[in-house]
Amino acid sequence: MKNTKIIFKTSKVTMEGELNNSQTAQKIYEKLPLEAKVNTWGEEIYFQIPISLKPENSTLDVEVGDIAYWPEGNCLCIFFGRTPVSTTNKPRPASEVNIVGKALGDVSILKNTKSGDKITVTRK
């Protein structure tokens, strides 16, 4: 799979992302479009998706702008700053995640997203 672009959209935010070549990313792309309710955790948004996948090169080392799949919660996550368990200015997930891509553009706009907002994820 080539790097594949997707769109995240809420009532206040539209953001483009690019998925990587991982098997996890491919399985997520195959399930698009998706719709869910957003949860926030510090400067991270996450939402449950109808996919149950195993860890694939899972890590706690994430960067601002990373799009990840959280196997423990069957969730897609976007990191845009510190989380409640961060020990530096970098985001840190609650537990290991599979990095599946990168958000494109200014991820700080995700601060306008609130828990309970509806989000859609579609192919670009």
PDB file of N, CA and C in Angstrom:
ATOM      1  N   MET A   1       0.849  -1.179   0.000  1.00  0.00           N
ATOM      2  CA  MET A   1       0.000   0.000   0.000  1.00  0.00           C
ATOM      3  C   MET A   1       0.890   1.237   0.000  1.00  0.00           C
ATOM      4  N   LYS A   2       0.643   2.130  -0.897  1.00  0.00           N
ATOM      5  CA  LYS A   2       1.360   3.410  -0.900  1.00  0.00           C
ATOM      6  C   LYS A   2       0.837   4.259   0.240  1.00  0.00           C
ATOM      7  N   ASN A   3       1.585   5.304   0.606  1.00  0.00           N
ATOM      8  CA  ASN A   3       1.059   6.241   1.602  1.00  0.00           C
ATOM      9  C   ASN A   3      -0.267   6.763   1.087  1.00  0.00           C
ATOM     10  N   THR A   4      -1.279   6.669   1.914  1.00  0.00           N
ATOM     11  CA  THR A   4      -2.635   6.941   1.505  1.00  0.00           C
ATOM     12  C   THR A   4      -3.217   8.066   2.340  1.00  0.00           C
ATOM     13  N   LYS A   5      -3.837   9.039   1.695  1.00  0.00           N
ATOM     14  CA  LYS A   5      -4.375  10.200   2.398  1.00  0.00           C
ATOM     15  C   LYS A   5      -5.815   9.955   2.839  1.00  0.00           C
ATOM     16  N   ILE A   6      -6.107  10.496   4.033  1.00  0.00           N
ATOM     17  CA  ILE A   6      -7.444  10.403   4.610  1.00  0.00           C
ATOM     18  C   ILE A   6      -7.836  11.785   5.134  1.00  0.00           C
ATOM     19  N   ILE A   7      -9.119  11.948   5.427  1.00  0.00           N
ATOM     20  CA  ILE A   7      -9.649  13.205   5.950  1.00  0.00           C
ATOM     21  C   ILE A   7     -10.374  12.924   7.270  1.00  0.00           C
ATOM     22  N   PHE A   8     -10.039  13.711   8.302  1.00  0.00           N
ATOM     23  CA  PHE A   8     -10.752  13.702   9.571  1.00  0.00           C
ATOM     24  C   PHE A   8     -11.628  14.952   9.587  1.00  0.00           C
ATOM     25  N   LYS A   9     -12.899  14.795   9.965  1.00  0.00           N
ATOM     26  CA  LYS A   9     -13.788  15.959   9.942  1.00  0.00           C
ATOM     27  C   LYS A   9     -14.729  15.937  11.143  1.00  0.00           C
ATOM     28  N   THR A  10     -14.762  17.085  11.849  1.00  0.00           N
ATOM     29  CA  THR A  10     -15.760  17.314  12.887  1.00  0.00           C
ATOM     30  C   THR A  10     -16.520  18.573  12.473  1.00  0.00           C
ATOM     31  N   SER A  11     -17.432  19.029  13.327  1.00  0.00           N
ATOM     32  CA  SER A  11     -18.171  20.246  12.976  1.00  0.00           C
ATOM     33  C   SER A  11     -17.259  21.475  12.933  1.00  0.00           C
ATOM     34  N   LYS A  12     -16.125  21.438  13.649  1.00  0.00           N
ATOM     35  CA  LYS A  12     -15.236  22.597  13.712  1.00  0.00           C
ATOM     36  C   LYS A  12     -13.881  22.398  13.047  1.00  0.00           C
ATOM     37  N   VAL A  13     -13.501  21.160  12.765  1.00  0.00           N
ATOM     38  CA  VAL A  13     -12.142  20.861  12.300  1.00  0.00           C
ATOM     39  C   VAL A  13     -12.176  19.928  11.095  1.00  0.00           C
ATOM     40  N   THR A  14     -11.373  20.256  10.098  1.00  0.00           N
ATOM     41  CA  THR A  14     -11.108  19.331   8.994  1.00  0.00           C
ATOM     42  C   THR A  14      -9.608  19.209   8.877  1.00  0.00           C
ATOM     43  N   MET A  15      -9.104  17.985   8.914  1.00  0.00           N
ATOM     44  CA  MET A  15      -7.665  17.751   8.881  1.00  0.00           C
ATOM     45  C   MET A  15      -7.347  16.568   7.968  1.00  0.00           C
ATOM     46  N   GLU A  16      -6.274  16.717   7.238  1.00  0.00           N
ATOM     47  CA  GLU A  16      -5.810  15.644   6.369  1.00  0.00           C
ATOM     48  C   GLU A  16      -4.751  14.834   7.107  1.00  0.00           C
ATOM     49  N   GLY A  17      -4.696  13.567   6.794  1.00  0.00           N
ATOM     50  CA  GLY A  17      -3.671  12.692   7.342  1.00  0.00           C
ATOM     51  C   GLY A  17      -3.165  11.778   6.253  1.00  0.00           C
ATOM     52  N   GLU A  18      -2.011  11.181   6.510  1.00  0.00           N
ATOM     53  CA  GLU A  18      -1.432  10.245   5.558  1.00  0.00           C
ATOM     54  C   GLU A  18      -1.081   8.968   6.304  1.00  0.00           C
ATOM     55  N   LEU A  19      -1.638   7.855   5.839  1.00  0.00           N
ATOM     56  CA  LEU A  19      -1.365   6.565   6.464  1.00  0.00           C
ATOM     57  C   LEU A  19      -0.059   5.987   5.946  1.00  0.00           C
ATOM     58  N   ASN A  20       0.607   5.209   6.801  1.00  0.00           N
ATOM     59  CA  ASN A  20       1.863   4.565   6.411  1.00  0.00           C
ATOM     60  C   ASN A  20       1.589   3.194   5.783  1.00  0.00           C
ATOM     61  N   ASN A  21       2.640   2.418   5.606  1.00  0.00           N
ATOM     62  CA  ASN A  21       2.530   1.123   4.926  1.00  0.00           C
ATOM     63  C   ASN A  21       2.283  -0.060   5.851  1.00  0.00           C
ATOM     64  N   SER A  22       1.956   0.187   7.106  1.00  0.00           N
ATOM     65  CA  SER A  22       1.765  -0.917   8.050  1.00  0.00           C
ATOM     66  C   SER A  22       0.486  -1.696   7.728  1.00  0.00           C
ATOM     67  N   GLN A  23       0.449  -2.939   8.213  1.00  0.00           N
ATOM     68  CA  GLN A  23      -0.758  -3.757   8.034  1.00  0.00           C
ATOM     69  C   GLN A  23      -1.936  -3.146   8.787  1.00  0.00           C
ATOM     70  N   THR A  24      -1.656  -2.575   9.958  1.00  0.00           N
ATOM     71  CA  THR A  24      -2.711  -1.920  10.736  1.00  0.00           C
ATOM     72  C   THR A  24      -3.331  -0.785   9.932  1.00  0.00           C
ATOM     73  N   ALA A  25      -2.503   0.070   9.337  1.00  0.00           N
ATOM     74  CA  ALA A  25      -2.999   1.192   8.534  1.00  0.00           C
ATOM     75  C   ALA A  25      -3.834   0.685   7.361  1.00  0.00           C
ATOM     76  N   GLN A  26      -3.384  -0.379   6.723  1.00  0.00           N
ATOM     77  CA  GLN A  26      -4.115  -0.925   5.583  1.00  0.00           C
ATOM     78  C   GLN A  26      -5.496  -1.408   6.002  1.00  0.00           C
ATOM     79  N   LYS A  27      -5.582  -2.097   7.147  1.00  0.00           N
ATOM     80  CA  LYS A  27      -6.877  -2.605   7.619  1.00  0.00           C
ATOM     81  C   LYS A  27      -7.819  -1.452   7.960  1.00  0.00           C
ATOM     82  N   ILE A  28      -7.270  -0.369   8.545  1.00  0.00           N
ATOM     83  CA  ILE A  28      -8.098   0.806   8.851  1.00  0.00           C
ATOM     84  C   ILE A  28      -8.601   1.437   7.554  1.00  0.00           C
ATOM     85  N   TYR A  29      -7.715   1.593   6.579  1.00  0.00           N
ATOM     86  CA  TYR A  29      -8.087   2.205   5.305  1.00  0.00           C
ATOM     87  C   TYR A  29      -9.209   1.411   4.619  1.00  0.00           C
ATOM     88  N   GLU A  30      -9.133   0.088   4.713  1.00  0.00           N
ATOM     89  CA  GLU A  30     -10.152  -0.770   4.091  1.00  0.00           C
ATOM     90  C   GLU A  30     -11.525  -0.575   4.727  1.00  0.00           C
ATOM     91  N   LYS A  31     -11.575  -0.157   5.999  1.00  0.00           N
ATOM     92  CA  LYS A  31     -12.845   0.018   6.721  1.00  0.00           C
ATOM     93  C   LYS A  31     -13.473   1.397   6.515  1.00  0.00           C
ATOM     94  N   LEU A  32     -12.742   2.325   5.879  1.00  0.00           N
ATOM     95  CA  LEU A  32     -13.270   3.681   5.699  1.00  0.00           C
ATOM     96  C   LEU A  32     -14.434   3.689   4.722  1.00  0.00           C
ATOM     97  N   PRO A  33     -15.435   4.548   4.934  1.00  0.00           N
ATOM     98  CA  PRO A  33     -15.514   5.632   5.912  1.00  0.00           C
ATOM     99  C   PRO A  33     -15.945   5.123   7.294  1.00  0.00           C
ATOM    100  N   LEU A  34     -15.528   5.868   8.324  1.00  0.00           N
ATOM    101  CA  LEU A  34     -15.887   5.571   9.705  1.00  0.00           C
ATOM    102  C   LEU A  34     -16.502   6.813  10.340  1.00  0.00           C
ATOM    103  N   GLU A  35     -17.368   6.584  11.314  1.00  0.00           N
ATOM    104  CA  GLU A  35     -17.957   7.681  12.077  1.00  0.00           C
ATOM    105  C   GLU A  35     -17.945   7.268  13.541  1.00  0.00           C
ATOM    106  N   ALA A  36     -17.596   8.218  14.427  1.00  0.00           N
ATOM    107  CA  ALA A  36     -17.507   7.896  15.847  1.00  0.00           C
ATOM    108  C   ALA A  36     -17.687   9.158  16.679  1.00  0.00           C
ATOM    109  N   LYS A  37     -17.719   8.973  17.998  1.00  0.00           N
ATOM    110  CA  LYS A  37     -17.742  10.091  18.947  1.00  0.00           C
ATOM    111  C   LYS A  37     -16.341  10.241  19.532  1.00  0.00           C
ATOM    112  N   VAL A  38     -15.864  11.477  19.567  1.00  0.00           N
ATOM    113  CA  VAL A  38     -14.511  11.785  20.028  1.00  0.00           C
ATOM    114  C   VAL A  38     -14.436  11.762  21.557  1.00  0.00           C
ATOM    115  N   ASN A  39     -13.298  11.285  22.045  1.00  0.00           N
ATOM    116  CA  ASN A  39     -12.904  11.441  23.438  1.00  0.00           C
ATOM    117  C   ASN A  39     -11.623  12.255  23.432  1.00  0.00           C
ATOM    118  N   THR A  40     -11.397  13.031  24.493  1.00  0.00           N
ATOM    119  CA  THR A  40     -10.146  13.767  24.614  1.00  0.00           C
ATOM    120  C   THR A  40      -9.418  13.287  25.858  1.00  0.00           C
ATOM    121  N   TRP A  41      -8.081  13.328  25.783  1.00  0.00           N
ATOM    122  CA  TRP A  41      -7.243  12.955  26.921  1.00  0.00           C
ATOM    123  C   TRP A  41      -6.015  13.843  26.851  1.00  0.00           C
ATOM    124  N   GLY A  42      -6.036  14.927  27.606  1.00  0.00           N
ATOM    125  CA  GLY A  42      -4.986  15.933  27.446  1.00  0.00           C
ATOM    126  C   GLY A  42      -5.055  16.465  26.022  1.00  0.00           C
ATOM    127  N   GLU A  43      -3.910  16.519  25.362  1.00  0.00           N
ATOM    128  CA  GLU A  43      -3.861  16.988  23.976  1.00  0.00           C
ATOM    129  C   GLU A  43      -3.777  15.785  23.024  1.00  0.00           C
ATOM    130  N   GLU A  44      -4.765  14.935  23.167  1.00  0.00           N
ATOM    131  CA  GLU A  44      -4.948  13.768  22.304  1.00  0.00           C
ATOM    132  C   GLU A  44      -6.440  13.619  22.090  1.00  0.00           C
ATOM    133  N   ILE A  45      -6.833  13.316  20.851  1.00  0.00           N
ATOM    134  CA  ILE A  45      -8.207  12.874  20.630  1.00  0.00           C
ATOM    135  C   ILE A  45      -8.134  11.397  20.265  1.00  0.00           C
ATOM    136  N   TYR A  46      -9.148  10.668  20.669  1.00  0.00           N
ATOM    137  CA  TYR A  46      -9.220   9.252  20.303  1.00  0.00           C
ATOM    138  C   TYR A  46     -10.684   8.871  20.183  1.00  0.00           C
ATOM    139  N   PHE A  47     -10.923   7.839  19.390  1.00  0.00           N
ATOM    140  CA  PHE A  47     -12.287   7.382  19.179  1.00  0.00           C
ATOM    141  C   PHE A  47     -12.261   5.927  18.765  1.00  0.00           C
ATOM    142  N   GLN A  48     -13.284   5.212  19.231  1.00  0.00           N
ATOM    143  CA  GLN A  48     -13.367   3.782  18.959  1.00  0.00           C
ATOM    144  C   GLN A  48     -13.744   3.542  17.502  1.00  0.00           C
ATOM    145  N   ILE A  49     -13.099   2.530  16.911  1.00  0.00           N
ATOM    146  CA  ILE A  49     -13.410   2.135  15.544  1.00  0.00           C
ATOM    147  C   ILE A  49     -13.750   0.641  15.542  1.00  0.00           C
ATOM    148  N   PRO A  50     -14.523   0.173  14.553  1.00  0.00           N
ATOM    149  CA  PRO A  50     -14.991  -1.221  14.557  1.00  0.00           C
ATOM    150  C   PRO A  50     -13.942  -2.192  14.013  1.00  0.00           C
ATOM    151  N   ILE A  51     -12.754  -2.135  14.599  1.00  0.00           N
ATOM    152  CA  ILE A  51     -11.653  -3.004  14.174  1.00  0.00           C
ATOM    153  C   ILE A  51     -10.933  -3.475  15.428  1.00  0.00           C
ATOM    154  N   SER A  52     -10.642  -4.756  15.502  1.00  0.00           N
ATOM    155  CA  SER A  52      -9.870  -5.290  16.623  1.00  0.00           C
ATOM    156  C   SER A  52      -8.582  -5.885  16.054  1.00  0.00           C
ATOM    157  N   LEU A  53      -7.471  -5.182  16.298  1.00  0.00           N
ATOM    158  CA  LEU A  53      -6.185  -5.600  15.745  1.00  0.00           C
ATOM    159  C   LEU A  53      -5.162  -5.796  16.857  1.00  0.00           C
ATOM    160  N   LYS A  54      -4.180  -6.618  16.583  1.00  0.00           N
ATOM    161  CA  LYS A  54      -3.117  -6.891  17.549  1.00  0.00           C
ATOM    162  C   LYS A  54      -2.024  -5.824  17.446  1.00  0.00           C
ATOM    163  N   PRO A  55      -1.185  -5.729  18.479  1.00  0.00           N
ATOM    164  CA  PRO A  55      -0.042  -4.817  18.386  1.00  0.00           C
ATOM    165  C   PRO A  55       0.840  -5.142  17.174  1.00  0.00           C
ATOM    166  N   GLU A  56       1.311  -4.097  16.510  1.00  0.00           N
ATOM    167  CA  GLU A  56       2.217  -4.222  15.364  1.00  0.00           C
ATOM    168  C   GLU A  56       3.281  -3.136  15.541  1.00  0.00           C
ATOM    169  N   ASN A  57       4.490  -3.546  15.908  1.00  0.00           N
ATOM    170  CA  ASN A  57       5.562  -2.585  16.198  1.00  0.00           C
ATOM    171  C   ASN A  57       5.073  -1.529  17.176  1.00  0.00           C
ATOM    172  N   SER A  58       4.351  -1.950  18.207  1.00  0.00           N
ATOM    173  CA  SER A  58       3.749  -0.992  19.135  1.00  0.00           C
ATOM    174  C   SER A  58       4.814  -0.277  19.964  1.00  0.00           C
ATOM    175  N   THR A  59       4.462   0.947  20.392  1.00  0.00           N
ATOM    176  CA  THR A  59       5.426   1.807  21.060  1.00  0.00           C
ATOM    177  C   THR A  59       4.732   2.796  21.993  1.00  0.00           C
ATOM    178  N   LEU A  60       5.501   3.309  22.940  1.00  0.00           N
ATOM    179  CA  LEU A  60       5.060   4.434  23.778  1.00  0.00           C
ATOM    180  C   LEU A  60       5.664   5.738  23.284  1.00  0.00           C
ATOM    181  N   ASP A  61       6.552   5.646  22.278  1.00  0.00           N
ATOM    182  CA  ASP A  61       7.278   6.814  21.771  1.00  0.00           C
ATOM    183  C   ASP A  61       6.520   7.413  20.585  1.00  0.00           C
ATOM    184  N   VAL A  62       5.740   8.448  20.862  1.00  0.00           N
ATOM    185  CA  VAL A  62       4.972   9.106  19.807  1.00  0.00           C
ATOM    186  C   VAL A  62       5.361  10.576  19.726  1.00  0.00           C
ATOM    187  N   GLU A  63       5.048  11.180  18.587  1.00  0.00           N
ATOM    188  CA  GLU A  63       5.355  12.586  18.329  1.00  0.00           C
ATOM    189  C   GLU A  63       4.054  13.349  18.090  1.00  0.00           C
ATOM    190  N   VAL A  64       4.115  14.661  18.249  1.00  0.00           N
ATOM    191  CA  VAL A  64       2.985  15.507  17.890  1.00  0.00           C
ATOM    192  C   VAL A  64       2.665  15.267  16.413  1.00  0.00           C
ATOM    193  N   GLY A  65       1.403  15.034  16.120  1.00  0.00           N
ATOM    194  CA  GLY A  65       0.969  14.784  14.750  1.00  0.00           C
ATOM    195  C   GLY A  65       0.829  13.315  14.394  1.00  0.00           C
ATOM    196  N   ASP A  66       1.324  12.425  15.259  1.00  0.00           N
ATOM    197  CA  ASP A  66       1.189  10.994  14.961  1.00  0.00           C
ATOM    198  C   ASP A  66      -0.267  10.562  15.035  1.00  0.00           C
ATOM    199  N   ILE A  67      -0.647   9.716  14.094  1.00  0.00           N
ATOM    200  CA  ILE A  67      -1.934   9.025  14.104  1.00  0.00           C
ATOM    201  C   ILE A  67      -1.608   7.595  14.515  1.00  0.00           C
ATOM    202  N   ALA A  68      -2.312   7.066  15.491  1.00  0.00           N
ATOM    203  CA  ALA A  68      -1.996   5.734  15.995  1.00  0.00           C
ATOM    204  C   ALA A  68      -3.268   4.942  16.249  1.00  0.00           C
ATOM    205  N   TYR A  69      -3.103   3.626  16.253  1.00  0.00           N
ATOM    206  CA  TYR A  69      -4.173   2.709  16.641  1.00  0.00           C
ATOM    207  C   TYR A  69      -3.825   2.187  18.028  1.00  0.00           C
ATOM    208  N   TRP A  70      -4.778   2.259  18.945  1.00  0.00           N
ATOM    209  CA  TRP A  70      -4.593   1.796  20.316  1.00  0.00           C
ATOM    210  C   TRP A  70      -5.264   0.431  20.471  1.00  0.00           C
ATOM    211  N   PRO A  71      -4.469  -0.659  20.438  1.00  0.00           N
ATOM    212  CA  PRO A  71      -5.055  -2.005  20.484  1.00  0.00           C
ATOM    213  C   PRO A  71      -5.903  -2.277  21.727  1.00  0.00           C
ATOM    214  N   GLU A  72      -5.510  -1.722  22.877  1.00  0.00           N
ATOM    215  CA  GLU A  72      -6.246  -1.980  24.119  1.00  0.00           C
ATOM    216  C   GLU A  72      -7.681  -1.484  24.055  1.00  0.00           C
ATOM    217  N   GLY A  73      -7.915  -0.392  23.319  1.00  0.00           N
ATOM    218  CA  GLY A  73      -9.255   0.184  23.274  1.00  0.00           C
ATOM    219  C   GLY A  73      -9.918   0.132  21.917  1.00  0.00           C
ATOM    220  N   ASN A  74      -9.242  -0.489  20.920  1.00  0.00           N
ATOM    221  CA  ASN A  74      -9.750  -0.502  19.543  1.00  0.00           C
ATOM    222  C   ASN A  74     -10.052   0.921  19.081  1.00  0.00           C
ATOM    223  N   CYS A  75      -9.101   1.824  19.320  1.00  0.00           N
ATOM    224  CA  CYS A  75      -9.309   3.235  19.033  1.00  0.00           C
ATOM    225  C   CYS A  75      -8.246   3.782  18.087  1.00  0.00           C
ATOM    226  N   LEU A  76      -8.653   4.797  17.344  1.00  0.00           N
ATOM    227  CA  LEU A  76      -7.740   5.604  16.550  1.00  0.00           C
ATOM    228  C   LEU A  76      -7.451   6.855  17.363  1.00  0.00           C
ATOM    229  N   CYS A  77      -6.176   7.262  17.404  1.00  0.00           N
ATOM    230  CA  CYS A  77      -5.737   8.399  18.222  1.00  0.00           C
ATOM    231  C   CYS A  77      -4.970   9.389  17.350  1.00  0.00           C
ATOM    232  N   ILE A  78      -5.098  10.663  17.682  1.00  0.00           N
ATOM    233  CA  ILE A  78      -4.256  11.693  17.069  1.00  0.00           C
ATOM    234  C   ILE A  78      -3.661  12.503  18.214  1.00  0.00           C
ATOM    235  N   PHE A  79      -2.342  12.577  18.243  1.00  0.00           N
ATOM    236  CA  PHE A  79      -1.627  13.283  19.297  1.00  0.00           C
ATOM    237  C   PHE A  79      -1.273  14.692  18.825  1.00  0.00           C
ATOM    238  N   PHE A  80      -1.637  15.716  19.637  1.00  0.00           N
ATOM    239  CA  PHE A  80      -1.305  17.090  19.251  1.00  0.00           C
ATOM    240  C   PHE A  80      -0.613  17.859  20.367  1.00  0.00           C
ATOM    241  N   GLY A  81      -0.179  17.164  21.413  1.00  0.00           N
ATOM    242  CA  GLY A  81       0.555  17.792  22.513  1.00  0.00           C
ATOM    243  C   GLY A  81       0.646  16.842  23.690  1.00  0.00           C
ATOM    244  N   ARG A  82       0.870  17.425  24.861  1.00  0.00           N
ATOM    245  CA  ARG A  82       1.051  16.629  26.077  1.00  0.00           C
ATOM    246  C   ARG A  82      -0.227  15.886  26.472  1.00  0.00           C
ATOM    247  N   THR A  83      -0.037  14.711  27.033  1.00  0.00           N
ATOM    248  CA  THR A  83      -1.136  13.939  27.598  1.00  0.00           C
ATOM    249  C   THR A  83      -0.946  13.895  29.112  1.00  0.00           C
ATOM    250  N   PRO A  84      -1.939  13.432  29.872  1.00  0.00           N
ATOM    251  CA  PRO A  84      -1.801  13.412  31.331  1.00  0.00           C
ATOM    252  C   PRO A  84      -0.603  12.613  31.860  1.00  0.00           C
ATOM    253  N   VAL A  85      -0.059  11.686  31.069  1.00  0.00           N
ATOM    254  CA  VAL A  85       1.100  10.903  31.542  1.00  0.00           C
ATOM    255  C   VAL A  85       2.419  11.355  30.903  1.00  0.00           C
ATOM    256  N   SER A  86       2.398  12.475  30.185  1.00  0.00           N
ATOM    257  CA  SER A  86       3.638  12.999  29.588  1.00  0.00           C
ATOM    258  C   SER A  86       4.596  13.434  30.699  1.00  0.00           C
ATOM    259  N   THR A  87       5.891  13.160  30.494  1.00  0.00           N
ATOM    260  CA  THR A  87       6.918  13.614  31.440  1.00  0.00           C
ATOM    261  C   THR A  87       7.789  14.693  30.802  1.00  0.00           C
ATOM    262  N   THR A  88       7.590  14.930  29.499  1.00  0.00           N
ATOM    263  CA  THR A  88       8.285  15.992  28.769  1.00  0.00           C
ATOM    264  C   THR A  88       7.219  16.729  27.958  1.00  0.00           C
ATOM    265  N   ASN A  89       7.639  17.555  27.012  1.00  0.00           N
ATOM    266  CA  ASN A  89       6.670  18.242  26.151  1.00  0.00           C
ATOM    267  C   ASN A  89       6.073  17.328  25.092  1.00  0.00           C
ATOM    268  N   LYS A  90       6.614  16.107  24.972  1.00  0.00           N
ATOM    269  CA  LYS A  90       6.095  15.146  23.983  1.00  0.00           C
ATOM    270  C   LYS A  90       4.829  14.476  24.502  1.00  0.00           C
ATOM    271  N   PRO A  91       3.958  14.093  23.579  1.00  0.00           N
ATOM    272  CA  PRO A  91       2.807  13.291  23.996  1.00  0.00           C
ATOM    273  C   PRO A  91       3.271  11.896  24.428  1.00  0.00           C
ATOM    274  N   ARG A  92       2.479  11.271  25.254  1.00  0.00           N
ATOM    275  CA  ARG A  92       2.747   9.887  25.650  1.00  0.00           C
ATOM    276  C   ARG A  92       1.395   9.184  25.761  1.00  0.00           C
ATOM    277  N   PRO A  93       1.246   8.047  25.063  1.00  0.00           N
ATOM    278  CA  PRO A  93      -0.025   7.318  25.147  1.00  0.00           C
ATOM    279  C   PRO A  93      -0.190   6.625  26.499  1.00  0.00           C
ATOM    280  N   ALA A  94      -1.415   6.256  26.819  1.00  0.00           N
ATOM    281  CA  ALA A  94      -1.714   5.548  28.070  1.00  0.00           C
ATOM    282  C   ALA A  94      -1.039   4.184  28.095  1.00  0.00           C
ATOM    283  N   SER A  95      -0.977   3.540  26.934  1.00  0.00           N
ATOM    284  CA  SER A  95      -0.268   2.270  26.770  1.00  0.00           C
ATOM    285  C   SER A  95       0.166   2.203  25.306  1.00  0.00           C
ATOM    286  N   GLU A  96       0.862   1.144  24.951  1.00  0.00           N
ATOM    287  CA  GLU A  96       1.476   1.080  23.617  1.00  0.00           C
ATOM    288  C   GLU A  96       0.446   1.183  22.491  1.00  0.00           C
ATOM    289  N   VAL A  97       0.878   1.873  21.431  1.00  0.00           N
ATOM    290  CA  VAL A  97       0.048   2.086  20.245  1.00  0.00           C
ATOM    291  C   VAL A  97       0.821   1.675  19.000  1.00  0.00           C
ATOM    292  N   ASN A  98       0.081   1.417  17.919  1.00  0.00           N
ATOM    293  CA  ASN A  98       0.665   1.164  16.605  1.00  0.00           C
ATOM    294  C   ASN A  98       0.591   2.477  15.829  1.00  0.00           C
ATOM    295  N   ILE A  99       1.715   3.052  15.472  1.00  0.00           N
ATOM    296  CA  ILE A  99       1.687   4.281  14.681  1.00  0.00           C
ATOM    297  C   ILE A  99       1.277   3.913  13.261  1.00  0.00           C
ATOM    298  N   VAL A 100       0.219   4.582  12.768  1.00  0.00           N
ATOM    299  CA  VAL A 100      -0.324   4.244  11.448  1.00  0.00           C
ATOM    300  C   VAL A 100      -0.217   5.392  10.454  1.00  0.00           C
ATOM    301  N   GLY A 101       0.227   6.565  10.911  1.00  0.00           N
ATOM    302  CA  GLY A 101       0.335   7.673   9.979  1.00  0.00           C
ATOM    303  C   GLY A 101       0.678   8.965  10.665  1.00  0.00           C
ATOM    304  N   LYS A 102       0.520  10.040   9.900  1.00  0.00           N
ATOM    305  CA  LYS A 102       0.870  11.380  10.363  1.00  0.00           C
ATOM    306  C   LYS A 102      -0.219  12.351   9.922  1.00  0.00           C
ATOM    307  N   ALA A 103      -0.629  13.225  10.847  1.00  0.00           N
ATOM    308  CA  ALA A 103      -1.550  14.305  10.494  1.00  0.00           C
ATOM    309  C   ALA A 103      -0.771  15.349   9.718  1.00  0.00           C
ATOM    310  N   LEU A 104      -1.397  15.936   8.717  1.00  0.00           N
ATOM    311  CA  LEU A 104      -0.750  16.942   7.887  1.00  0.00           C
ATOM    312  C   LEU A 104      -1.281  18.311   8.265  1.00  0.00           C
ATOM    313  N   GLY A 105      -0.391  19.273   8.378  1.00  0.00           N
ATOM    314  CA  GLY A 105      -0.825  20.625   8.719  1.00  0.00           C
ATOM    315  C   GLY A 105      -0.703  20.892  10.211  1.00  0.00           C
ATOM    316  N   ASP A 106      -1.402  21.926  10.658  1.00  0.00           N
ATOM    317  CA  ASP A 106      -1.326  22.400  12.033  1.00  0.00           C
ATOM    318  C   ASP A 106      -2.266  21.592  12.927  1.00  0.00           C
ATOM    319  N   VAL A 107      -1.703  20.660  13.696  1.00  0.00           N
ATOM    320  CA  VAL A 107      -2.534  19.804  14.541  1.00  0.00           C
ATOM    321  C   VAL A 107      -3.096  20.526  15.757  1.00  0.00           C
ATOM    322  N   SER A 108      -2.611  21.724  16.050  1.00  0.00           N
ATOM    323  CA  SER A 108      -3.125  22.456  17.213  1.00  0.00           C
ATOM    324  C   SER A 108      -4.606  22.809  17.037  1.00  0.00           C
ATOM    325  N   ILE A 109      -5.119  22.759  15.802  1.00  0.00           N
ATOM    326  CA  ILE A 109      -6.550  23.021  15.588  1.00  0.00           C
ATOM    327  C   ILE A 109      -7.418  21.974  16.289  1.00  0.00           C
ATOM    328  N   LEU A 110      -6.818  20.837  16.651  1.00  0.00           N
ATOM    329  CA  LEU A 110      -7.579  19.802  17.349  1.00  0.00           C
ATOM    330  C   LEU A 110      -7.996  20.251  18.749  1.00  0.00           C
ATOM    331  N   LYS A 111      -7.405  21.332  19.254  1.00  0.00           N
ATOM    332  CA  LYS A 111      -7.828  21.882  20.547  1.00  0.00           C
ATOM    333  C   LYS A 111      -9.283  22.320  20.495  1.00  0.00           C
ATOM    334  N   ASN A 112      -9.816  22.535  19.303  1.00  0.00           N
ATOM    335  CA  ASN A 112     -11.221  22.934  19.126  1.00  0.00           C
ATOM    336  C   ASN A 112     -12.176  21.749  19.160  1.00  0.00           C
ATOM    337  N   THR A 113     -11.639  20.542  19.305  1.00  0.00           N
ATOM    338  CA  THR A 113     -12.459  19.331  19.332  1.00  0.00           C
ATOM    339  C   THR A 113     -12.742  18.961  20.780  1.00  0.00           C
ATOM    340  N   LYS A 114     -13.981  18.654  21.077  1.00  0.00           N
ATOM    341  CA  LYS A 114     -14.402  18.333  22.441  1.00  0.00           C
ATOM    342  C   LYS A 114     -14.926  16.900  22.508  1.00  0.00           C
ATOM    343  N   SER A 115     -14.828  16.302  23.703  1.00  0.00           N
ATOM    344  CA  SER A 115     -15.410  14.972  23.917  1.00  0.00           C
ATOM    345  C   SER A 115     -16.878  15.013  23.535  1.00  0.00           C
ATOM    346  N   GLY A 116     -17.308  13.994  22.815  1.00  0.00           N
ATOM    347  CA  GLY A 116     -18.702  13.899  22.377  1.00  0.00           C
ATOM    348  C   GLY A 116     -18.927  14.412  20.964  1.00  0.00           C
ATOM    349  N   ASP A 117     -17.967  15.181  20.414  1.00  0.00           N
ATOM    350  CA  ASP A 117     -18.106  15.635  19.025  1.00  0.00           C
ATOM    351  C   ASP A 117     -18.131  14.432  18.093  1.00  0.00           C
ATOM    352  N   LYS A 118     -18.901  14.531  17.038  1.00  0.00           N
ATOM    353  CA  LYS A 118     -18.919  13.479  16.015  1.00  0.00           C
ATOM    354  C   LYS A 118     -17.741  13.697  15.079  1.00  0.00           C
ATOM    355  N   ILE A 119     -17.053  12.609  14.744  1.00  0.00           N
ATOM    356  CA  ILE A 119     -15.942  12.685  13.792  1.00  0.00           C
ATOM    357  C   ILE A 119     -16.178  11.658  12.693  1.00  0.00           C
ATOM    358  N   THR A 120     -15.830  12.056  11.472  1.00  0.00           N
ATOM    359  CA  THR A 120     -15.858  11.103  10.359  1.00  0.00           C
ATOM    360  C   THR A 120     -14.434  11.001   9.799  1.00  0.00           C
ATOM    361  N   VAL A 121     -14.111   9.816   9.357  1.00  0.00           N
ATOM    362  CA  VAL A 121     -12.818   9.576   8.717  1.00  0.00           C
ATOM    363  C   VAL A 121     -13.126   8.966   7.352  1.00  0.00           C
ATOM    364  N   THR A 122     -12.636   9.630   6.299  1.00  0.00           N
ATOM    365  CA  THR A 122     -12.918   9.176   4.944  1.00  0.00           C
ATOM    366  C   THR A 122     -11.628   9.118   4.127  1.00  0.00           C
ATOM    367  N   ARG A 123     -11.684   8.409   3.020  1.00  0.00           N
ATOM    368  CA  ARG A 123     -10.574   8.405   2.066  1.00  0.00           C
ATOM    369  C   ARG A 123     -10.561   9.746   1.346  1.00  0.00           C
ATOM    370  N   LYS A 124      -9.377  10.231   1.025  1.00  0.00           N
ATOM    371  CA  LYS A 124      -9.303  11.486   0.277  1.00  0.00           C
ATOM    372  C   LYS A 124      -9.408  11.196  -1.203  1.00  0.00           C
TER     373      LYS A 124
END
